[in-house]
Amino acid sequence: MSEETKGCDLIVTIVKKGFSEQIIQASIKAGAKGGTVVFGRGTGIHEKQKILGIPIEPEKEIIFTVVSKQQTEDILEAIKQAGELDKPGMGIGFVISLDRVIGMCHLLSDGTMICKY
């Protein structure tokens, strides 16, 4: 039986294929405990490339990182720097506030336990 926690955010980062590792490493260096990568494809204004007249759909990597609210700004800044997200066409990052989280059973950087058994 675990205890639910409040006060967490989900950072979602969408980048070009091949960039997720540097995003995860930067977020870990800034205090995150890891991340989850899933694959997708983009259709944005910067994605209109063709090869031999055939439109291609660029592959994307989507990184989900759950962090405490106290860590959000530092980790988001590290992600922005690592992915050069301040440049057009490099990707996007956004934060979603989480009401409840279960299953995160590790210590935060400030030494508090996220969940107990």
N, C-alpha and C. Protein backbone atom coordinates (compact mmCIF):
# COMPACT_ATOMS: atom_id res chain seq x y z
N MET A 1 0.85 -1.17 0.00
CA MET A 1 0.00 0.00 0.00
C MET A 1 0.90 1.23 0.00
N SER A 2 0.69 2.13 -0.95
CA SER A 2 1.53 3.31 -1.04
C SER A 2 0.72 4.56 -0.73
N GLU A 3 1.44 5.61 -0.41
CA GLU A 3 0.83 6.89 -0.10
C GLU A 3 0.87 7.76 -1.35
N GLU A 4 -0.23 8.43 -1.65
CA GLU A 4 -0.25 9.34 -2.79
C GLU A 4 0.49 10.61 -2.43
N THR A 5 1.00 11.28 -3.41
CA THR A 5 1.68 12.54 -3.17
C THR A 5 1.04 13.64 -4.00
N LYS A 6 1.15 14.85 -3.50
CA LYS A 6 0.69 16.01 -4.24
C LYS A 6 1.88 16.93 -4.42
N GLY A 7 1.73 17.93 -5.25
CA GLY A 7 2.83 18.87 -5.43
C GLY A 7 3.83 18.44 -6.48
N CYS A 8 3.36 17.75 -7.52
CA CYS A 8 4.24 17.33 -8.61
C CYS A 8 3.78 17.94 -9.92
N ASP A 9 4.71 18.06 -10.84
CA ASP A 9 4.43 18.51 -12.19
C ASP A 9 4.91 17.46 -13.17
N LEU A 10 4.29 17.45 -14.34
CA LEU A 10 4.74 16.63 -15.45
C LEU A 10 5.32 17.57 -16.50
N ILE A 11 6.60 17.40 -16.79
CA ILE A 11 7.22 18.16 -17.87
C ILE A 11 7.17 17.28 -19.11
N VAL A 12 6.54 17.79 -20.17
CA VAL A 12 6.45 17.07 -21.44
C VAL A 12 7.35 17.82 -22.43
N THR A 13 8.27 17.10 -23.03
CA THR A 13 9.18 17.68 -24.00
C THR A 13 9.07 16.90 -25.30
N ILE A 14 8.87 17.59 -26.41
CA ILE A 14 8.76 16.94 -27.72
C ILE A 14 9.90 17.47 -28.58
N VAL A 15 10.77 16.56 -29.02
CA VAL A 15 11.96 16.95 -29.80
C VAL A 15 12.13 16.02 -31.00
N LYS A 16 13.03 16.40 -31.87
CA LYS A 16 13.35 15.57 -33.03
C LYS A 16 13.98 14.26 -32.57
N LYS A 17 13.78 13.23 -33.39
CA LYS A 17 14.35 11.92 -33.08
C LYS A 17 15.86 12.05 -32.86
N GLY A 18 16.33 11.40 -31.80
CA GLY A 18 17.75 11.41 -31.50
C GLY A 18 18.16 12.40 -30.42
N PHE A 19 17.24 13.26 -29.98
CA PHE A 19 17.57 14.29 -29.00
C PHE A 19 17.15 13.93 -27.57
N SER A 20 16.41 12.85 -27.39
CA SER A 20 15.87 12.55 -26.06
C SER A 20 16.96 12.27 -25.03
N GLU A 21 18.03 11.61 -25.44
CA GLU A 21 19.08 11.27 -24.47
C GLU A 21 19.70 12.51 -23.85
N GLN A 22 19.98 13.54 -24.66
CA GLN A 22 20.56 14.75 -24.09
C GLN A 22 19.56 15.49 -23.22
N ILE A 23 18.28 15.40 -23.53
CA ILE A 23 17.24 16.02 -22.69
C ILE A 23 17.19 15.31 -21.35
N ILE A 24 17.17 13.99 -21.36
CA ILE A 24 17.11 13.22 -20.11
C ILE A 24 18.35 13.46 -19.27
N GLN A 25 19.52 13.45 -19.89
CA GLN A 25 20.75 13.68 -19.13
C GLN A 25 20.76 15.06 -18.48
N ALA A 26 20.31 16.07 -19.20
CA ALA A 26 20.25 17.43 -18.65
C ALA A 26 19.26 17.51 -17.50
N SER A 27 18.11 16.85 -17.65
CA SER A 27 17.11 16.90 -16.58
C SER A 27 17.59 16.17 -15.34
N ILE A 28 18.30 15.06 -15.51
CA ILE A 28 18.86 14.33 -14.37
C ILE A 28 19.92 15.18 -13.67
N LYS A 29 20.75 15.84 -14.45
CA LYS A 29 21.78 16.71 -13.87
C LYS A 29 21.14 17.85 -13.07
N ALA A 30 19.94 18.27 -13.49
CA ALA A 30 19.24 19.36 -12.81
C ALA A 30 18.39 18.86 -11.63
N GLY A 31 18.34 17.53 -11.43
CA GLY A 31 17.63 17.02 -10.26
C GLY A 31 16.53 16.02 -10.51
N ALA A 32 16.17 15.77 -11.76
CA ALA A 32 15.13 14.77 -12.06
C ALA A 32 15.68 13.37 -11.77
N LYS A 33 14.78 12.44 -11.56
CA LYS A 33 15.19 11.06 -11.27
C LYS A 33 15.14 10.17 -12.51
N GLY A 34 14.75 10.73 -13.66
CA GLY A 34 14.67 9.96 -14.89
C GLY A 34 13.55 10.48 -15.76
N GLY A 35 13.17 9.72 -16.74
CA GLY A 35 12.10 10.13 -17.65
C GLY A 35 11.64 8.94 -18.47
N THR A 36 10.56 9.13 -19.17
CA THR A 36 10.01 8.10 -20.05
C THR A 36 9.95 8.66 -21.46
N VAL A 37 10.44 7.90 -22.43
CA VAL A 37 10.47 8.33 -23.82
C VAL A 37 9.49 7.50 -24.63
N VAL A 38 8.65 8.18 -25.39
CA VAL A 38 7.76 7.52 -26.35
C VAL A 38 8.00 8.17 -27.72
N PHE A 39 7.58 7.50 -28.75
CA PHE A 39 7.84 8.00 -30.10
C PHE A 39 6.56 8.49 -30.75
N GLY A 40 6.69 9.49 -31.61
CA GLY A 40 5.56 10.07 -32.32
C GLY A 40 6.02 10.66 -33.62
N ARG A 41 5.15 11.40 -34.27
CA ARG A 41 5.52 12.10 -35.51
C ARG A 41 4.89 13.48 -35.50
N GLY A 42 5.56 14.42 -36.15
CA GLY A 42 5.13 15.80 -36.11
C GLY A 42 4.43 16.25 -37.37
N THR A 43 3.61 17.30 -37.22
CA THR A 43 2.93 17.89 -38.37
C THR A 43 2.96 19.41 -38.30
N GLY A 44 3.90 19.99 -37.56
CA GLY A 44 3.97 21.44 -37.38
C GLY A 44 4.46 22.17 -38.61
N ILE A 45 4.49 23.49 -38.52
CA ILE A 45 4.88 24.32 -39.66
C ILE A 45 6.32 24.11 -40.08
N HIS A 46 7.16 23.63 -39.16
CA HIS A 46 8.56 23.39 -39.48
C HIS A 46 8.80 21.97 -39.98
N GLU A 47 7.76 21.22 -40.21
CA GLU A 47 7.88 19.81 -40.56
C GLU A 47 7.57 19.53 -42.02
N LYS A 48 7.51 20.52 -42.88
CA LYS A 48 7.09 20.35 -44.27
C LYS A 48 8.29 20.02 -45.17
N GLN A 49 8.92 18.87 -44.96
CA GLN A 49 10.04 18.47 -45.78
C GLN A 49 9.60 17.42 -46.79
N LYS A 50 10.30 17.39 -47.94
CA LYS A 50 9.99 16.39 -48.97
C LYS A 50 11.29 15.77 -49.47
N ILE A 51 11.20 14.53 -49.84
CA ILE A 51 12.31 13.83 -50.50
C ILE A 51 11.77 13.31 -51.82
N LEU A 52 12.36 13.75 -52.92
CA LEU A 52 11.91 13.39 -54.26
C LEU A 52 10.43 13.70 -54.46
N GLY A 53 10.00 14.81 -53.89
CA GLY A 53 8.61 15.24 -54.04
C GLY A 53 7.62 14.53 -53.13
N ILE A 54 8.11 13.58 -52.31
CA ILE A 54 7.22 12.84 -51.41
C ILE A 54 7.34 13.45 -50.01
N PRO A 55 6.21 13.90 -49.45
CA PRO A 55 6.29 14.47 -48.11
C PRO A 55 6.67 13.41 -47.07
N ILE A 56 7.56 13.79 -46.15
CA ILE A 56 7.95 12.88 -45.08
C ILE A 56 7.40 13.41 -43.76
N GLU A 57 7.09 12.49 -42.89
CA GLU A 57 6.58 12.85 -41.58
C GLU A 57 7.70 12.63 -40.57
N PRO A 58 8.27 13.71 -40.07
CA PRO A 58 9.41 13.59 -39.15
C PRO A 58 9.04 12.86 -37.87
N GLU A 59 9.95 12.00 -37.46
CA GLU A 59 9.75 11.27 -36.21
C GLU A 59 10.13 12.15 -35.03
N LYS A 60 9.41 11.99 -33.95
CA LYS A 60 9.62 12.78 -32.74
C LYS A 60 9.85 11.85 -31.56
N GLU A 61 10.50 12.37 -30.55
CA GLU A 61 10.62 11.69 -29.27
C GLU A 61 9.93 12.57 -28.25
N ILE A 62 9.09 11.95 -27.43
CA ILE A 62 8.33 12.66 -26.42
C ILE A 62 8.84 12.17 -25.07
N ILE A 63 9.29 13.10 -24.25
CA ILE A 63 9.87 12.76 -22.95
C ILE A 63 8.93 13.23 -21.86
N PHE A 64 8.53 12.30 -20.99
CA PHE A 64 7.70 12.61 -19.82
C PHE A 64 8.60 12.57 -18.59
N THR A 65 8.58 13.66 -17.83
CA THR A 65 9.40 13.75 -16.63
C THR A 65 8.53 14.25 -15.48
N VAL A 66 8.34 13.44 -14.45
CA VAL A 66 7.57 13.84 -13.28
C VAL A 66 8.55 14.37 -12.24
N VAL A 67 8.29 15.59 -11.77
CA VAL A 67 9.19 16.25 -10.82
C VAL A 67 8.37 16.94 -9.73
N SER A 68 9.02 17.25 -8.62
CA SER A 68 8.34 18.03 -7.60
C SER A 68 8.22 19.47 -8.10
N LYS A 69 7.22 20.17 -7.62
CA LYS A 69 7.02 21.56 -8.05
C LYS A 69 8.23 22.43 -7.74
N GLN A 70 8.96 22.10 -6.67
CA GLN A 70 10.15 22.88 -6.32
C GLN A 70 11.26 22.73 -7.36
N GLN A 71 11.26 21.63 -8.08
CA GLN A 71 12.31 21.36 -9.07
C GLN A 71 11.95 21.82 -10.48
N THR A 72 10.69 22.10 -10.72
CA THR A 72 10.20 22.32 -12.09
C THR A 72 10.99 23.37 -12.85
N GLU A 73 11.17 24.55 -12.29
CA GLU A 73 11.82 25.63 -13.04
C GLU A 73 13.26 25.29 -13.41
N ASP A 74 14.03 24.72 -12.47
CA ASP A 74 15.42 24.37 -12.75
C ASP A 74 15.52 23.31 -13.84
N ILE A 75 14.66 22.30 -13.75
CA ILE A 75 14.71 21.21 -14.73
C ILE A 75 14.22 21.70 -16.09
N LEU A 76 13.18 22.51 -16.10
CA LEU A 76 12.67 23.05 -17.37
C LEU A 76 13.73 23.90 -18.06
N GLU A 77 14.45 24.69 -17.30
CA GLU A 77 15.53 25.52 -17.87
C GLU A 77 16.64 24.63 -18.44
N ALA A 78 17.00 23.57 -17.73
CA ALA A 78 18.04 22.65 -18.22
C ALA A 78 17.60 21.97 -19.51
N ILE A 79 16.33 21.60 -19.58
CA ILE A 79 15.79 20.99 -20.79
C ILE A 79 15.83 21.98 -21.95
N LYS A 80 15.44 23.22 -21.69
CA LYS A 80 15.46 24.25 -22.74
C LYS A 80 16.86 24.44 -23.29
N GLN A 81 17.84 24.49 -22.42
CA GLN A 81 19.23 24.68 -22.85
C GLN A 81 19.72 23.47 -23.65
N ALA A 82 19.48 22.27 -23.12
CA ALA A 82 19.99 21.05 -23.77
C ALA A 82 19.37 20.81 -25.14
N GLY A 83 18.08 21.13 -25.26
CA GLY A 83 17.39 20.90 -26.53
C GLY A 83 17.33 22.11 -27.43
N GLU A 84 17.93 23.22 -26.99
CA GLU A 84 17.90 24.48 -27.74
C GLU A 84 16.47 24.83 -28.12
N LEU A 85 15.56 24.68 -27.16
CA LEU A 85 14.14 24.88 -27.44
C LEU A 85 13.76 26.34 -27.65
N ASP A 86 14.71 27.25 -27.48
CA ASP A 86 14.44 28.65 -27.77
C ASP A 86 14.68 28.98 -29.24
N LYS A 87 15.04 27.96 -30.04
CA LYS A 87 15.23 28.14 -31.49
C LYS A 87 14.05 27.51 -32.23
N PRO A 88 13.60 28.15 -33.31
CA PRO A 88 12.45 27.62 -34.08
C PRO A 88 12.72 26.21 -34.61
N GLY A 89 11.71 25.36 -34.52
CA GLY A 89 11.78 24.03 -35.09
C GLY A 89 12.54 23.00 -34.27
N MET A 90 13.04 23.38 -33.09
CA MET A 90 13.82 22.45 -32.29
C MET A 90 12.96 21.57 -31.39
N GLY A 91 11.78 22.04 -31.06
CA GLY A 91 10.91 21.25 -30.19
C GLY A 91 10.10 22.15 -29.30
N ILE A 92 9.41 21.52 -28.36
CA ILE A 92 8.54 22.25 -27.45
C ILE A 92 8.57 21.54 -26.09
N GLY A 93 8.42 22.32 -25.06
CA GLY A 93 8.30 21.76 -23.72
C GLY A 93 7.18 22.48 -23.00
N PHE A 94 6.45 21.75 -22.17
CA PHE A 94 5.40 22.37 -21.38
C PHE A 94 5.20 21.60 -20.09
N VAL A 95 4.52 22.24 -19.14
CA VAL A 95 4.34 21.68 -17.81
C VAL A 95 2.86 21.49 -17.53
N ILE A 96 2.52 20.33 -16.98
CA ILE A 96 1.16 20.03 -16.55
C ILE A 96 1.21 19.75 -15.06
N SER A 97 0.38 20.45 -14.30
CA SER A 97 0.30 20.22 -12.86
C SER A 97 -0.44 18.91 -12.60
N LEU A 98 0.12 18.08 -11.75
CA LEU A 98 -0.48 16.79 -11.43
C LEU A 98 -1.20 16.86 -10.10
N ASP A 99 -2.44 16.40 -10.08
CA ASP A 99 -3.21 16.40 -8.83
C ASP A 99 -2.72 15.35 -7.86
N ARG A 100 -2.49 14.14 -8.37
CA ARG A 100 -2.04 13.05 -7.52
C ARG A 100 -1.09 12.17 -8.31
N VAL A 101 -0.14 11.58 -7.59
CA VAL A 101 0.83 10.68 -8.22
C VAL A 101 0.98 9.47 -7.31
N ILE A 102 0.98 8.28 -7.89
CA ILE A 102 1.28 7.08 -7.13
C ILE A 102 2.40 6.33 -7.83
N GLY A 103 3.11 5.52 -7.08
CA GLY A 103 4.12 4.66 -7.67
C GLY A 103 5.50 5.26 -7.81
N MET A 104 5.69 6.48 -7.37
CA MET A 104 7.04 7.08 -7.41
C MET A 104 7.65 6.90 -6.03
N CYS A 105 8.44 5.87 -5.89
CA CYS A 105 8.94 5.50 -4.56
C CYS A 105 10.43 5.77 -4.44
N HIS A 106 10.80 7.02 -4.56
CA HIS A 106 12.20 7.39 -4.40
C HIS A 106 12.29 8.72 -3.66
N LEU A 107 13.48 9.05 -3.27
CA LEU A 107 13.69 10.29 -2.54
C LEU A 107 13.85 11.46 -3.49
N LEU A 108 13.28 12.59 -3.10
CA LEU A 108 13.51 13.81 -3.85
C LEU A 108 14.86 14.39 -3.47
N SER A 109 15.35 15.34 -4.22
CA SER A 109 16.66 15.92 -3.95
C SER A 109 16.71 16.62 -2.60
N ASP A 110 15.55 17.01 -2.06
CA ASP A 110 15.58 17.66 -0.75
C ASP A 110 15.47 16.65 0.39
N GLY A 111 15.52 15.34 0.06
CA GLY A 111 15.52 14.31 1.08
C GLY A 111 14.15 13.83 1.52
N THR A 112 13.08 14.39 0.99
CA THR A 112 11.76 13.93 1.39
C THR A 112 11.35 12.73 0.55
N MET A 113 10.61 11.85 1.15
CA MET A 113 10.15 10.64 0.47
C MET A 113 8.87 10.95 -0.29
N ILE A 114 8.78 10.52 -1.54
CA ILE A 114 7.57 10.74 -2.32
C ILE A 114 6.47 9.79 -1.89
N CYS A 115 6.77 8.53 -1.66
CA CYS A 115 5.73 7.61 -1.20
C CYS A 115 6.33 6.63 -0.20
N LYS A 116 5.49 6.04 0.59
CA LYS A 116 5.93 5.09 1.63
C LYS A 116 5.24 3.76 1.40
N TYR A 117 5.82 2.72 1.94
CA TYR A 117 5.20 1.40 1.94
C TYR A 117 4.83 1.01 3.34
